[in-house]
Amino acid sequence: MLHLVDSATELTTAATDALLALVAFICLVLLCRSARRGRFHRLWLLFFASLGIASLLGAVAHGLRLSEGVDRLIWPMLYLCLGYSLTALALVALHDWRGMEKMRKLTPLFMFFPFLVVALIWVGGGAFIYFLCFEAAVVLFALFVYGRLAFLSRVPGSGFILAGILFSLAAALVQASGAWRFELVWLFDHNGLFHLIQLPGLVCFVISARVRCRQSV
């Protein structure tokens, strides 16, 4: 029988993870219903689907009392899904910066990175630093690309994706600090706040994705 954890902050972290998953899947459905099909479109689907699955796994890992074996199985799967969400974002940025042909050539290499990161975490005994380095590299790369494109006004929707990246960066900084703890009806810590900050970022991402997918194949 499944039981909830006792920690109030872990429960709010699980709840915000579940909310993030719900929003990610809503974004996925909206994108499926409104956009043209093609490689670029599939990358955005990968982004939202991977993030949604990772968030569901996070809700389970944070909210339920799990055996050590199940816990050790869930976290690598979670990191792998998050890794593919980040990889999709990196490939989208590469497409908008250097074009479809360059993105196609580098896709196999990029798709290998999440497995490498998970392997390093596994060998390192669960060391989160490897994932943080990967996340920082992708977010900073995307920030550079879309900051430049938004300034030059060359890519429609680049302003929205830049806003989404800035929300993601702010969320990552809050999570990495580990110092946040506040009460708003329920008790939240840095992990719950991390998820809440990501929510408006997802809205920005899906607005940009719908604009861009109408123009790309």
N, C-alpha and C. Protein backbone atom coordinates (compact mmCIF):
# COMPACT_ATOMS: atom_id res chain seq x y z
N MET A 1 0.84 -1.20 0.00
CA MET A 1 0.00 0.00 0.00
C MET A 1 0.87 1.24 0.00
N LEU A 2 0.51 2.23 -0.79
CA LEU A 2 1.30 3.44 -0.90
C LEU A 2 0.94 4.42 0.21
N HIS A 3 1.97 5.09 0.73
CA HIS A 3 1.77 6.07 1.79
C HIS A 3 2.48 7.37 1.42
N LEU A 4 1.87 8.49 1.83
CA LEU A 4 2.49 9.79 1.60
C LEU A 4 3.63 10.00 2.59
N VAL A 5 4.61 10.81 2.18
CA VAL A 5 5.71 11.16 3.08
C VAL A 5 5.18 12.09 4.17
N ASP A 6 5.94 12.23 5.24
CA ASP A 6 5.52 13.08 6.36
C ASP A 6 5.90 14.55 6.17
N SER A 7 6.93 14.82 5.39
CA SER A 7 7.45 16.18 5.24
C SER A 7 6.45 17.07 4.50
N ALA A 8 6.12 18.22 5.10
CA ALA A 8 5.19 19.16 4.47
C ALA A 8 5.77 19.75 3.19
N THR A 9 7.07 20.05 3.19
CA THR A 9 7.68 20.64 2.00
C THR A 9 7.82 19.62 0.87
N GLU A 10 8.04 18.36 1.22
CA GLU A 10 8.09 17.33 0.18
C GLU A 10 6.72 17.13 -0.46
N LEU A 11 5.66 17.27 0.33
CA LEU A 11 4.31 17.13 -0.22
C LEU A 11 3.97 18.28 -1.16
N THR A 12 4.35 19.51 -0.80
CA THR A 12 4.08 20.64 -1.70
C THR A 12 4.97 20.56 -2.94
N THR A 13 6.18 20.02 -2.78
CA THR A 13 7.03 19.80 -3.95
C THR A 13 6.38 18.80 -4.89
N ALA A 14 5.83 17.73 -4.34
CA ALA A 14 5.14 16.73 -5.16
C ALA A 14 3.91 17.33 -5.84
N ALA A 15 3.16 18.15 -5.11
CA ALA A 15 1.96 18.77 -5.68
C ALA A 15 2.31 19.73 -6.82
N THR A 16 3.36 20.53 -6.64
CA THR A 16 3.75 21.46 -7.70
C THR A 16 4.36 20.71 -8.88
N ASP A 17 5.00 19.59 -8.61
CA ASP A 17 5.49 18.74 -9.71
C ASP A 17 4.31 18.21 -10.53
N ALA A 18 3.27 17.76 -9.84
CA ALA A 18 2.08 17.26 -10.53
C ALA A 18 1.41 18.36 -11.34
N LEU A 19 1.37 19.58 -10.79
CA LEU A 19 0.80 20.72 -11.51
C LEU A 19 1.62 21.04 -12.75
N LEU A 20 2.94 20.98 -12.60
CA LEU A 20 3.83 21.22 -13.74
C LEU A 20 3.61 20.18 -14.83
N ALA A 21 3.42 18.93 -14.43
CA ALA A 21 3.14 17.86 -15.40
C ALA A 21 1.84 18.13 -16.14
N LEU A 22 0.82 18.54 -15.41
CA LEU A 22 -0.48 18.84 -16.02
C LEU A 22 -0.36 19.94 -17.06
N VAL A 23 0.33 21.02 -16.71
CA VAL A 23 0.50 22.14 -17.64
C VAL A 23 1.32 21.70 -18.86
N ALA A 24 2.36 20.90 -18.64
CA ALA A 24 3.18 20.42 -19.76
C ALA A 24 2.36 19.58 -20.73
N PHE A 25 1.49 18.72 -20.20
CA PHE A 25 0.66 17.89 -21.08
C PHE A 25 -0.43 18.70 -21.78
N ILE A 26 -0.94 19.74 -21.13
CA ILE A 26 -1.88 20.64 -21.80
C ILE A 26 -1.19 21.34 -22.96
N CYS A 27 0.04 21.81 -22.72
CA CYS A 27 0.83 22.43 -23.80
C CYS A 27 1.05 21.45 -24.94
N LEU A 28 1.31 20.19 -24.60
CA LEU A 28 1.52 19.15 -25.60
C LEU A 28 0.27 18.97 -26.47
N VAL A 29 -0.89 18.92 -25.84
CA VAL A 29 -2.15 18.76 -26.58
C VAL A 29 -2.41 19.97 -27.47
N LEU A 30 -2.19 21.17 -26.94
CA LEU A 30 -2.40 22.39 -27.73
C LEU A 30 -1.50 22.40 -28.95
N LEU A 31 -0.26 21.96 -28.78
CA LEU A 31 0.68 21.95 -29.90
C LEU A 31 0.30 20.88 -30.92
N CYS A 32 -0.18 19.75 -30.46
CA CYS A 32 -0.62 18.69 -31.38
C CYS A 32 -1.80 19.14 -32.23
N ARG A 33 -2.67 19.95 -31.67
CA ARG A 33 -3.90 20.33 -32.35
C ARG A 33 -3.75 21.53 -33.27
N SER A 34 -2.66 22.30 -33.11
CA SER A 34 -2.63 23.58 -33.81
C SER A 34 -1.47 23.78 -34.77
N ALA A 35 -0.52 22.87 -34.79
CA ALA A 35 0.71 23.15 -35.54
C ALA A 35 0.89 22.21 -36.73
N ARG A 36 1.71 22.66 -37.68
CA ARG A 36 2.11 21.80 -38.80
C ARG A 36 3.04 20.70 -38.30
N ARG A 37 3.04 19.57 -39.00
CA ARG A 37 3.90 18.46 -38.62
C ARG A 37 5.27 18.61 -39.28
N GLY A 38 6.28 18.05 -38.65
CA GLY A 38 7.63 18.11 -39.20
C GLY A 38 8.64 17.89 -38.10
N ARG A 39 9.91 17.85 -38.46
CA ARG A 39 10.97 17.58 -37.49
C ARG A 39 10.99 18.62 -36.37
N PHE A 40 10.85 19.90 -36.73
CA PHE A 40 10.87 20.97 -35.74
C PHE A 40 9.69 20.82 -34.76
N HIS A 41 8.54 20.48 -35.31
CA HIS A 41 7.34 20.24 -34.49
C HIS A 41 7.57 19.08 -33.53
N ARG A 42 8.21 18.02 -34.00
CA ARG A 42 8.46 16.85 -33.15
C ARG A 42 9.41 17.18 -32.00
N LEU A 43 10.34 18.10 -32.23
CA LEU A 43 11.24 18.51 -31.15
C LEU A 43 10.48 19.18 -30.02
N TRP A 44 9.53 20.03 -30.38
CA TRP A 44 8.72 20.68 -29.35
C TRP A 44 7.85 19.66 -28.62
N LEU A 45 7.33 18.68 -29.35
CA LEU A 45 6.55 17.62 -28.69
C LEU A 45 7.44 16.86 -27.71
N LEU A 46 8.67 16.57 -28.10
CA LEU A 46 9.61 15.89 -27.21
C LEU A 46 9.87 16.74 -25.97
N PHE A 47 10.01 18.04 -26.16
CA PHE A 47 10.27 18.94 -25.03
C PHE A 47 9.16 18.85 -23.99
N PHE A 48 7.92 19.02 -24.42
CA PHE A 48 6.80 19.03 -23.47
C PHE A 48 6.51 17.64 -22.91
N ALA A 49 6.60 16.61 -23.75
CA ALA A 49 6.33 15.25 -23.28
C ALA A 49 7.37 14.81 -22.25
N SER A 50 8.64 15.06 -22.52
CA SER A 50 9.71 14.67 -21.60
C SER A 50 9.58 15.41 -20.27
N LEU A 51 9.28 16.70 -20.35
CA LEU A 51 9.12 17.48 -19.12
C LEU A 51 7.91 17.00 -18.32
N GLY A 52 6.82 16.68 -19.02
CA GLY A 52 5.64 16.18 -18.33
C GLY A 52 5.88 14.86 -17.62
N ILE A 53 6.56 13.93 -18.30
CA ILE A 53 6.86 12.63 -17.69
C ILE A 53 7.81 12.80 -16.51
N ALA A 54 8.84 13.64 -16.68
CA ALA A 54 9.78 13.88 -15.59
C ALA A 54 9.07 14.47 -14.37
N SER A 55 8.14 15.37 -14.61
CA SER A 55 7.40 15.99 -13.50
C SER A 55 6.51 14.98 -12.79
N LEU A 56 5.90 14.08 -13.54
CA LEU A 56 5.10 13.02 -12.91
C LEU A 56 5.98 12.11 -12.04
N LEU A 57 7.13 11.75 -12.57
CA LEU A 57 8.06 10.94 -11.79
C LEU A 57 8.52 11.69 -10.54
N GLY A 58 8.73 13.00 -10.69
CA GLY A 58 9.12 13.82 -9.54
C GLY A 58 8.03 13.85 -8.48
N ALA A 59 6.78 13.92 -8.92
CA ALA A 59 5.66 13.92 -7.97
C ALA A 59 5.63 12.62 -7.17
N VAL A 60 5.89 11.51 -7.84
CA VAL A 60 5.92 10.21 -7.16
C VAL A 60 7.11 10.14 -6.21
N ALA A 61 8.29 10.55 -6.69
CA ALA A 61 9.51 10.45 -5.88
C ALA A 61 9.46 11.32 -4.64
N HIS A 62 8.87 12.50 -4.76
CA HIS A 62 8.81 13.42 -3.62
C HIS A 62 7.63 13.13 -2.68
N GLY A 63 6.53 12.64 -3.23
CA GLY A 63 5.31 12.55 -2.44
C GLY A 63 5.02 11.22 -1.78
N LEU A 64 5.63 10.15 -2.28
CA LEU A 64 5.31 8.81 -1.76
C LEU A 64 6.51 8.18 -1.06
N ARG A 65 6.22 7.37 -0.06
CA ARG A 65 7.28 6.59 0.58
C ARG A 65 7.60 5.40 -0.33
N LEU A 66 8.81 5.38 -0.83
CA LEU A 66 9.21 4.36 -1.78
C LEU A 66 10.32 3.50 -1.20
N SER A 67 10.37 2.26 -1.65
CA SER A 67 11.49 1.41 -1.25
C SER A 67 12.77 1.93 -1.88
N GLU A 68 13.88 1.54 -1.33
CA GLU A 68 15.17 2.02 -1.84
C GLU A 68 15.36 1.62 -3.30
N GLY A 69 14.93 0.41 -3.65
CA GLY A 69 15.08 -0.05 -5.02
C GLY A 69 14.27 0.76 -6.01
N VAL A 70 13.02 1.06 -5.66
CA VAL A 70 12.16 1.87 -6.53
C VAL A 70 12.70 3.28 -6.65
N ASP A 71 13.15 3.83 -5.53
CA ASP A 71 13.71 5.19 -5.54
C ASP A 71 14.93 5.27 -6.45
N ARG A 72 15.78 4.27 -6.38
CA ARG A 72 16.99 4.26 -7.22
C ARG A 72 16.65 4.08 -8.69
N LEU A 73 15.50 3.49 -8.99
CA LEU A 73 15.07 3.32 -10.38
C LEU A 73 14.44 4.59 -10.93
N ILE A 74 13.65 5.28 -10.10
CA ILE A 74 12.92 6.46 -10.57
C ILE A 74 13.84 7.61 -10.93
N TRP A 75 14.83 7.90 -10.09
CA TRP A 75 15.64 9.10 -10.31
C TRP A 75 16.43 9.09 -11.62
N PRO A 76 17.08 7.98 -12.01
CA PRO A 76 17.72 7.98 -13.33
C PRO A 76 16.74 8.20 -14.47
N MET A 77 15.53 7.61 -14.37
CA MET A 77 14.52 7.83 -15.40
C MET A 77 14.10 9.30 -15.44
N LEU A 78 13.97 9.90 -14.26
CA LEU A 78 13.60 11.31 -14.18
C LEU A 78 14.67 12.18 -14.84
N TYR A 79 15.93 11.92 -14.50
CA TYR A 79 17.03 12.70 -15.09
C TYR A 79 17.10 12.51 -16.60
N LEU A 80 16.82 11.29 -17.06
CA LEU A 80 16.86 11.03 -18.50
C LEU A 80 15.77 11.84 -19.22
N CYS A 81 14.58 11.87 -18.64
CA CYS A 81 13.49 12.64 -19.25
C CYS A 81 13.80 14.13 -19.24
N LEU A 82 14.30 14.64 -18.12
CA LEU A 82 14.70 16.05 -18.07
C LEU A 82 15.81 16.33 -19.08
N GLY A 83 16.72 15.38 -19.22
CA GLY A 83 17.80 15.54 -20.18
C GLY A 83 17.29 15.66 -21.60
N TYR A 84 16.28 14.87 -21.95
CA TYR A 84 15.72 14.96 -23.30
C TYR A 84 14.91 16.23 -23.50
N SER A 85 14.30 16.73 -22.44
CA SER A 85 13.62 18.02 -22.54
C SER A 85 14.64 19.12 -22.84
N LEU A 86 15.76 19.11 -22.13
CA LEU A 86 16.81 20.10 -22.37
C LEU A 86 17.43 19.93 -23.76
N THR A 87 17.63 18.68 -24.17
CA THR A 87 18.19 18.42 -25.49
C THR A 87 17.29 18.95 -26.59
N ALA A 88 15.98 18.75 -26.44
CA ALA A 88 15.03 19.28 -27.41
C ALA A 88 15.12 20.80 -27.50
N LEU A 89 15.23 21.46 -26.34
CA LEU A 89 15.37 22.92 -26.33
C LEU A 89 16.65 23.35 -27.03
N ALA A 90 17.74 22.63 -26.78
CA ALA A 90 19.01 22.97 -27.43
C ALA A 90 18.91 22.81 -28.95
N LEU A 91 18.25 21.76 -29.41
CA LEU A 91 18.10 21.54 -30.86
C LEU A 91 17.18 22.56 -31.49
N VAL A 92 16.13 22.96 -30.78
CA VAL A 92 15.26 24.03 -31.27
C VAL A 92 16.06 25.32 -31.45
N ALA A 93 16.89 25.64 -30.45
CA ALA A 93 17.72 26.84 -30.53
C ALA A 93 18.71 26.74 -31.69
N LEU A 94 19.30 25.56 -31.87
CA LEU A 94 20.24 25.36 -32.97
C LEU A 94 19.54 25.55 -34.31
N HIS A 95 18.32 25.03 -34.42
CA HIS A 95 17.53 25.20 -35.65
C HIS A 95 17.30 26.67 -35.95
N ASP A 96 16.87 27.43 -34.96
CA ASP A 96 16.56 28.84 -35.18
C ASP A 96 17.80 29.68 -35.43
N TRP A 97 18.95 29.20 -34.95
CA TRP A 97 20.20 29.95 -35.11
C TRP A 97 20.91 29.60 -36.41
N ARG A 98 21.07 28.28 -36.68
CA ARG A 98 21.89 27.85 -37.80
C ARG A 98 21.12 27.14 -38.91
N GLY A 99 19.84 26.86 -38.69
CA GLY A 99 19.03 26.26 -39.75
C GLY A 99 18.81 24.77 -39.58
N MET A 100 17.88 24.25 -40.38
CA MET A 100 17.46 22.85 -40.29
C MET A 100 18.59 21.88 -40.60
N GLU A 101 19.39 22.16 -41.61
CA GLU A 101 20.43 21.22 -42.02
C GLU A 101 21.46 21.00 -40.92
N LYS A 102 21.89 22.09 -40.28
CA LYS A 102 22.86 21.98 -39.19
C LYS A 102 22.25 21.20 -38.02
N MET A 103 20.99 21.46 -37.74
CA MET A 103 20.32 20.75 -36.66
C MET A 103 20.26 19.25 -36.94
N ARG A 104 19.93 18.88 -38.19
CA ARG A 104 19.85 17.46 -38.55
C ARG A 104 21.20 16.76 -38.35
N LYS A 105 22.28 17.42 -38.73
CA LYS A 105 23.61 16.81 -38.62
C LYS A 105 23.99 16.55 -37.16
N LEU A 106 23.60 17.46 -36.28
CA LEU A 106 24.03 17.36 -34.88
C LEU A 106 23.03 16.64 -33.98
N THR A 107 21.86 16.30 -34.52
CA THR A 107 20.84 15.65 -33.69
C THR A 107 21.33 14.34 -33.06
N PRO A 108 21.98 13.41 -33.80
CA PRO A 108 22.45 12.17 -33.16
C PRO A 108 23.40 12.43 -31.99
N LEU A 109 24.30 13.41 -32.14
CA LEU A 109 25.23 13.74 -31.05
C LEU A 109 24.48 14.28 -29.84
N PHE A 110 23.56 15.20 -30.09
CA PHE A 110 22.81 15.81 -29.00
C PHE A 110 21.97 14.76 -28.26
N MET A 111 21.41 13.81 -29.00
CA MET A 111 20.56 12.80 -28.38
C MET A 111 21.34 11.84 -27.48
N PHE A 112 22.66 11.82 -27.62
CA PHE A 112 23.51 10.97 -26.79
C PHE A 112 23.76 11.60 -25.41
N PHE A 113 23.72 12.93 -25.32
CA PHE A 113 24.10 13.63 -24.10
C PHE A 113 23.28 13.23 -22.86
N PRO A 114 21.94 13.09 -22.94
CA PRO A 114 21.20 12.70 -21.73
C PRO A 114 21.66 11.36 -21.16
N PHE A 115 21.96 10.38 -22.03
CA PHE A 115 22.46 9.09 -21.54
C PHE A 115 23.80 9.26 -20.84
N LEU A 116 24.66 10.12 -21.39
CA LEU A 116 25.97 10.36 -20.78
C LEU A 116 25.81 10.99 -19.40
N VAL A 117 24.92 11.96 -19.29
CA VAL A 117 24.70 12.63 -18.01
C VAL A 117 24.17 11.65 -16.97
N VAL A 118 23.19 10.83 -17.35
CA VAL A 118 22.64 9.85 -16.41
C VAL A 118 23.71 8.84 -16.00
N ALA A 119 24.55 8.43 -16.94
CA ALA A 119 25.64 7.50 -16.62
C ALA A 119 26.61 8.12 -15.61
N LEU A 120 26.93 9.39 -15.80
CA LEU A 120 27.84 10.08 -14.88
C LEU A 120 27.21 10.20 -13.49
N ILE A 121 25.91 10.49 -13.45
CA ILE A 121 25.22 10.58 -12.16
C ILE A 121 25.23 9.22 -11.47
N TRP A 122 24.98 8.16 -12.24
CA TRP A 122 24.95 6.80 -11.68
C TRP A 122 26.32 6.42 -11.12
N VAL A 123 27.37 6.65 -11.92
CA VAL A 123 28.73 6.33 -11.47
C VAL A 123 29.13 7.19 -10.28
N GLY A 124 28.67 8.44 -10.30
CA GLY A 124 29.02 9.37 -9.22
C GLY A 124 28.17 9.23 -7.98
N GLY A 125 27.39 8.17 -7.89
CA GLY A 125 26.60 7.93 -6.69
C GLY A 125 25.45 8.91 -6.51
N GLY A 126 24.87 9.37 -7.62
CA GLY A 126 23.73 10.28 -7.54
C GLY A 126 24.11 11.74 -7.47
N ALA A 127 25.36 12.07 -7.81
CA ALA A 127 25.83 13.46 -7.74
C ALA A 127 25.04 14.34 -8.71
N PHE A 128 24.32 15.32 -8.16
CA PHE A 128 23.44 16.19 -8.94
C PHE A 128 24.23 17.19 -9.77
N ILE A 129 25.51 17.39 -9.45
CA ILE A 129 26.31 18.42 -10.11
C ILE A 129 26.43 18.17 -11.61
N TYR A 130 26.45 16.91 -12.04
CA TYR A 130 26.57 16.60 -13.47
C TYR A 130 25.34 17.10 -14.23
N PHE A 131 24.18 16.89 -13.65
CA PHE A 131 22.97 17.38 -14.31
C PHE A 131 22.92 18.90 -14.30
N LEU A 132 23.33 19.51 -13.19
CA LEU A 132 23.33 20.98 -13.12
C LEU A 132 24.23 21.58 -14.19
N CYS A 133 25.38 20.97 -14.43
CA CYS A 133 26.30 21.47 -15.46
C CYS A 133 25.67 21.35 -16.85
N PHE A 134 25.02 20.22 -17.11
CA PHE A 134 24.34 20.03 -18.40
C PHE A 134 23.21 21.04 -18.57
N GLU A 135 22.42 21.22 -17.52
CA GLU A 135 21.31 22.17 -17.56
C GLU A 135 21.82 23.59 -17.79
N ALA A 136 22.89 23.96 -17.09
CA ALA A 136 23.44 25.31 -17.24
C ALA A 136 23.95 25.54 -18.65
N ALA A 137 24.61 24.53 -19.23
CA ALA A 137 25.14 24.67 -20.59
C ALA A 137 24.02 24.89 -21.59
N VAL A 138 22.94 24.11 -21.49
CA VAL A 138 21.82 24.24 -22.43
C VAL A 138 21.11 25.58 -22.26
N VAL A 139 20.82 25.95 -21.02
CA VAL A 139 20.09 27.20 -20.78
C VAL A 139 20.90 28.41 -21.23
N LEU A 140 22.19 28.42 -20.96
CA LEU A 140 23.03 29.55 -21.38
C LEU A 140 23.17 29.60 -22.89
N PHE A 141 23.27 28.44 -23.54
CA PHE A 141 23.31 28.40 -25.01
C PHE A 141 22.02 28.96 -25.59
N ALA A 142 20.88 28.49 -25.08
CA ALA A 142 19.58 28.98 -25.57
C ALA A 142 19.40 30.46 -25.27
N LEU A 143 19.88 30.90 -24.12
CA LEU A 143 19.79 32.32 -23.76
C LEU A 143 20.59 33.18 -24.73
N PHE A 144 21.78 32.72 -25.09
CA PHE A 144 22.60 33.44 -26.07
C PHE A 144 21.89 33.52 -27.42
N VAL A 145 21.39 32.37 -27.89
CA VAL A 145 20.75 32.32 -29.21
C VAL A 145 19.53 33.22 -29.26
N TYR A 146 18.63 33.06 -28.31
CA TYR A 146 17.37 33.80 -28.39
C TYR A 146 17.50 35.25 -27.93
N GLY A 147 18.50 35.53 -27.10
CA GLY A 147 18.78 36.93 -26.79
C GLY A 147 19.21 37.67 -28.05
N ARG A 148 20.05 37.03 -28.83
CA ARG A 148 20.52 37.62 -30.08
C ARG A 148 19.39 37.73 -31.10
N LEU A 149 18.61 36.66 -31.25
CA LEU A 149 17.52 36.66 -32.24
C LEU A 149 16.42 37.65 -31.87
N ALA A 150 16.11 37.75 -30.57
CA ALA A 150 15.09 38.71 -30.14
C ALA A 150 15.55 40.14 -30.38
N PHE A 151 16.83 40.40 -30.14
CA PHE A 151 17.38 41.74 -30.35
C PHE A 151 17.35 42.12 -31.83
N LEU A 152 17.67 41.13 -32.69
CA LEU A 152 17.70 41.39 -34.12
C LEU A 152 16.32 41.28 -34.77
N SER A 153 15.33 40.77 -34.02
CA SER A 153 13.95 40.61 -34.51
C SER A 153 13.88 39.77 -35.78
N ARG A 154 14.71 38.72 -35.83
CA ARG A 154 14.76 37.88 -37.04
C ARG A 154 13.83 36.68 -36.99
N VAL A 155 13.46 36.25 -35.80
CA VAL A 155 12.66 35.03 -35.67
C VAL A 155 11.38 35.35 -34.92
N PRO A 156 10.21 35.21 -35.57
CA PRO A 156 8.94 35.44 -34.87
C PRO A 156 8.81 34.52 -33.66
N GLY A 157 8.35 35.07 -32.56
CA GLY A 157 8.18 34.27 -31.35
C GLY A 157 9.41 34.16 -30.49
N SER A 158 10.55 34.73 -30.94
CA SER A 158 11.79 34.61 -30.17
C SER A 158 11.70 35.33 -28.83
N GLY A 159 10.91 36.40 -28.77
CA GLY A 159 10.74 37.12 -27.51
C GLY A 159 10.08 36.25 -26.45
N PHE A 160 9.07 35.47 -26.86
CA PHE A 160 8.39 34.58 -25.91
C PHE A 160 9.31 33.46 -25.44
N ILE A 161 10.08 32.89 -26.35
CA ILE A 161 10.97 31.81 -25.92
C ILE A 161 12.09 32.35 -25.04
N LEU A 162 12.53 33.59 -25.32
CA LEU A 162 13.53 34.21 -24.45
C LEU A 162 12.95 34.40 -23.04
N ALA A 163 11.70 34.83 -22.96
CA ALA A 163 11.05 34.97 -21.65
C ALA A 163 10.96 33.62 -20.94
N GLY A 164 10.62 32.56 -21.68
CA GLY A 164 10.56 31.23 -21.09
C GLY A 164 11.91 30.79 -20.55
N ILE A 165 12.97 31.09 -21.28
CA ILE A 165 14.33 30.74 -20.85
C ILE A 165 14.70 31.50 -19.58
N LEU A 166 14.33 32.77 -19.52
CA LEU A 166 14.62 33.58 -18.33
C LEU A 166 13.88 33.05 -17.10
N PHE A 167 12.63 32.63 -17.29
CA PHE A 167 11.90 31.99 -16.18
C PHE A 167 12.62 30.71 -15.75
N SER A 168 13.07 29.92 -16.72
CA SER A 168 13.77 28.67 -16.41
C SER A 168 15.07 28.94 -15.67
N LEU A 169 15.78 29.99 -16.09
CA LEU A 169 17.04 30.35 -15.44
C LEU A 169 16.79 30.80 -14.00
N ALA A 170 15.76 31.62 -13.81
CA ALA A 170 15.42 32.07 -12.46
C ALA A 170 15.05 30.89 -11.57
N ALA A 171 14.27 29.96 -12.13
CA ALA A 171 13.87 28.77 -11.37
C ALA A 171 15.08 27.93 -10.98
N ALA A 172 16.01 27.76 -11.92
CA ALA A 172 17.21 26.96 -11.65
C ALA A 172 18.07 27.61 -10.56
N LEU A 173 18.17 28.93 -10.58
CA LEU A 173 18.96 29.64 -9.56
C LEU A 173 18.32 29.47 -8.18
N VAL A 174 16.99 29.54 -8.13
CA VAL A 174 16.29 29.34 -6.86
C VAL A 174 16.53 27.93 -6.33
N GLN A 175 16.43 26.94 -7.21
CA GLN A 175 16.62 25.56 -6.78
C GLN A 175 18.06 25.31 -6.33
N ALA A 176 19.02 25.87 -7.07
CA ALA A 176 20.42 25.65 -6.73
C ALA A 176 20.79 26.31 -5.40
N SER A 177 20.12 27.42 -5.06
CA SER A 177 20.44 28.13 -3.82
C SER A 177 20.08 27.30 -2.59
N GLY A 178 18.95 26.59 -2.67
CA GLY A 178 18.52 25.74 -1.56
C GLY A 178 18.14 26.49 -0.30
N ALA A 179 17.97 27.82 -0.39
CA ALA A 179 17.79 28.64 0.81
C ALA A 179 16.36 29.14 0.99
N TRP A 180 15.47 28.82 0.06
CA TRP A 180 14.12 29.37 0.10
C TRP A 180 13.19 28.48 0.91
N ARG A 181 12.39 29.13 1.74
CA ARG A 181 11.38 28.42 2.53
C ARG A 181 10.32 29.44 2.94
N PHE A 182 9.08 29.22 2.55
CA PHE A 182 8.03 30.18 2.87
C PHE A 182 6.69 29.46 3.00
N GLU A 183 5.74 30.14 3.61
CA GLU A 183 4.41 29.56 3.81
C GLU A 183 3.37 30.42 3.13
N LEU A 184 2.61 29.80 2.23
CA LEU A 184 1.49 30.44 1.54
C LEU A 184 0.34 29.43 1.55
N VAL A 185 -0.40 29.44 2.65
CA VAL A 185 -1.38 28.40 2.98
C VAL A 185 -0.66 27.10 3.34
N TRP A 186 0.20 26.61 2.45
CA TRP A 186 1.04 25.44 2.71
C TRP A 186 2.50 25.86 2.77
N LEU A 187 3.33 24.97 3.29
CA LEU A 187 4.76 25.26 3.43
C LEU A 187 5.51 24.82 2.17
N PHE A 188 6.28 25.73 1.59
CA PHE A 188 7.05 25.46 0.38
C PHE A 188 8.54 25.64 0.67
N ASP A 189 9.37 24.90 -0.06
CA ASP A 189 10.81 25.15 -0.03
C ASP A 189 11.28 25.49 -1.44
N HIS A 190 12.60 25.47 -1.65
CA HIS A 190 13.17 25.88 -2.93
C HIS A 190 12.70 24.99 -4.09
N ASN A 191 12.44 23.72 -3.82
CA ASN A 191 11.99 22.83 -4.90
C ASN A 191 10.58 23.17 -5.36
N GLY A 192 9.68 23.43 -4.42
CA GLY A 192 8.33 23.82 -4.79
C GLY A 192 8.31 25.15 -5.53
N LEU A 193 9.12 26.11 -5.05
CA LEU A 193 9.20 27.41 -5.72
C LEU A 193 9.79 27.26 -7.12
N PHE A 194 10.74 26.36 -7.28
CA PHE A 194 11.33 26.05 -8.59
C PHE A 194 10.24 25.65 -9.59
N HIS A 195 9.34 24.80 -9.16
CA HIS A 195 8.26 24.36 -10.06
C HIS A 195 7.28 25.49 -10.36
N LEU A 196 6.95 26.30 -9.37
CA LEU A 196 6.00 27.40 -9.58
C LEU A 196 6.55 28.43 -10.55
N ILE A 197 7.84 28.72 -10.47
CA ILE A 197 8.44 29.70 -11.38
C ILE A 197 8.47 29.16 -12.81
N GLN A 198 8.58 27.85 -12.95
CA GLN A 198 8.60 27.25 -14.28
C GLN A 198 7.26 27.36 -15.02
N LEU A 199 6.16 27.47 -14.28
CA LEU A 199 4.84 27.44 -14.91
C LEU A 199 4.63 28.56 -15.94
N PRO A 200 4.88 29.84 -15.60
CA PRO A 200 4.74 30.87 -16.65
C PRO A 200 5.73 30.69 -17.79
N GLY A 201 6.88 30.08 -17.48
CA GLY A 201 7.85 29.80 -18.54
C GLY A 201 7.30 28.83 -19.56
N LEU A 202 6.55 27.81 -19.10
CA LEU A 202 5.94 26.86 -20.03
C LEU A 202 4.92 27.54 -20.93
N VAL A 203 4.17 28.49 -20.38
CA VAL A 203 3.20 29.23 -21.19
C VAL A 203 3.91 30.00 -22.29
N CYS A 204 5.02 30.64 -21.94
CA CYS A 204 5.82 31.36 -22.95
C CYS A 204 6.35 30.42 -24.02
N PHE A 205 6.82 29.24 -23.59
CA PHE A 205 7.36 28.27 -24.54
C PHE A 205 6.30 27.80 -25.53
N VAL A 206 5.10 27.50 -25.05
CA VAL A 206 4.08 26.96 -25.96
C VAL A 206 3.58 28.04 -26.91
N ILE A 207 3.52 29.29 -26.47
CA ILE A 207 3.13 30.37 -27.38
C ILE A 207 4.15 30.48 -28.51
N SER A 208 5.44 30.47 -28.15
CA SER A 208 6.49 30.55 -29.16
C SER A 208 6.47 29.33 -30.07
N ALA A 209 6.28 28.14 -29.48
CA ALA A 209 6.28 26.91 -30.27
C ALA A 209 5.17 26.92 -31.31
N ARG A 210 4.00 27.38 -30.95
CA ARG A 210 2.88 27.42 -31.90
C ARG A 210 3.18 28.38 -33.05
N VAL A 211 3.81 29.50 -32.73
CA VAL A 211 4.17 30.47 -33.78
C VAL A 211 5.22 29.89 -34.70
N ARG A 212 6.26 29.29 -34.13
CA ARG A 212 7.38 28.79 -34.92
C ARG A 212 7.00 27.56 -35.74
N CYS A 213 6.17 26.68 -35.17
CA CYS A 213 5.83 25.44 -35.87
C CYS A 213 4.93 25.69 -37.08
N ARG A 214 4.24 26.81 -37.11
CA ARG A 214 3.43 27.14 -38.28
C ARG A 214 4.32 27.51 -39.47
N GLN A 215 5.58 27.85 -39.19
CA GLN A 215 6.47 28.32 -40.24
C GLN A 215 7.55 27.32 -40.61
N SER A 216 7.72 26.26 -39.80
CA SER A 216 8.81 25.31 -40.01
C SER A 216 8.24 23.93 -40.27
N VAL A 217 9.07 23.08 -40.91
CA VAL A 217 8.67 21.71 -41.19
C VAL A 217 9.70 20.76 -40.66
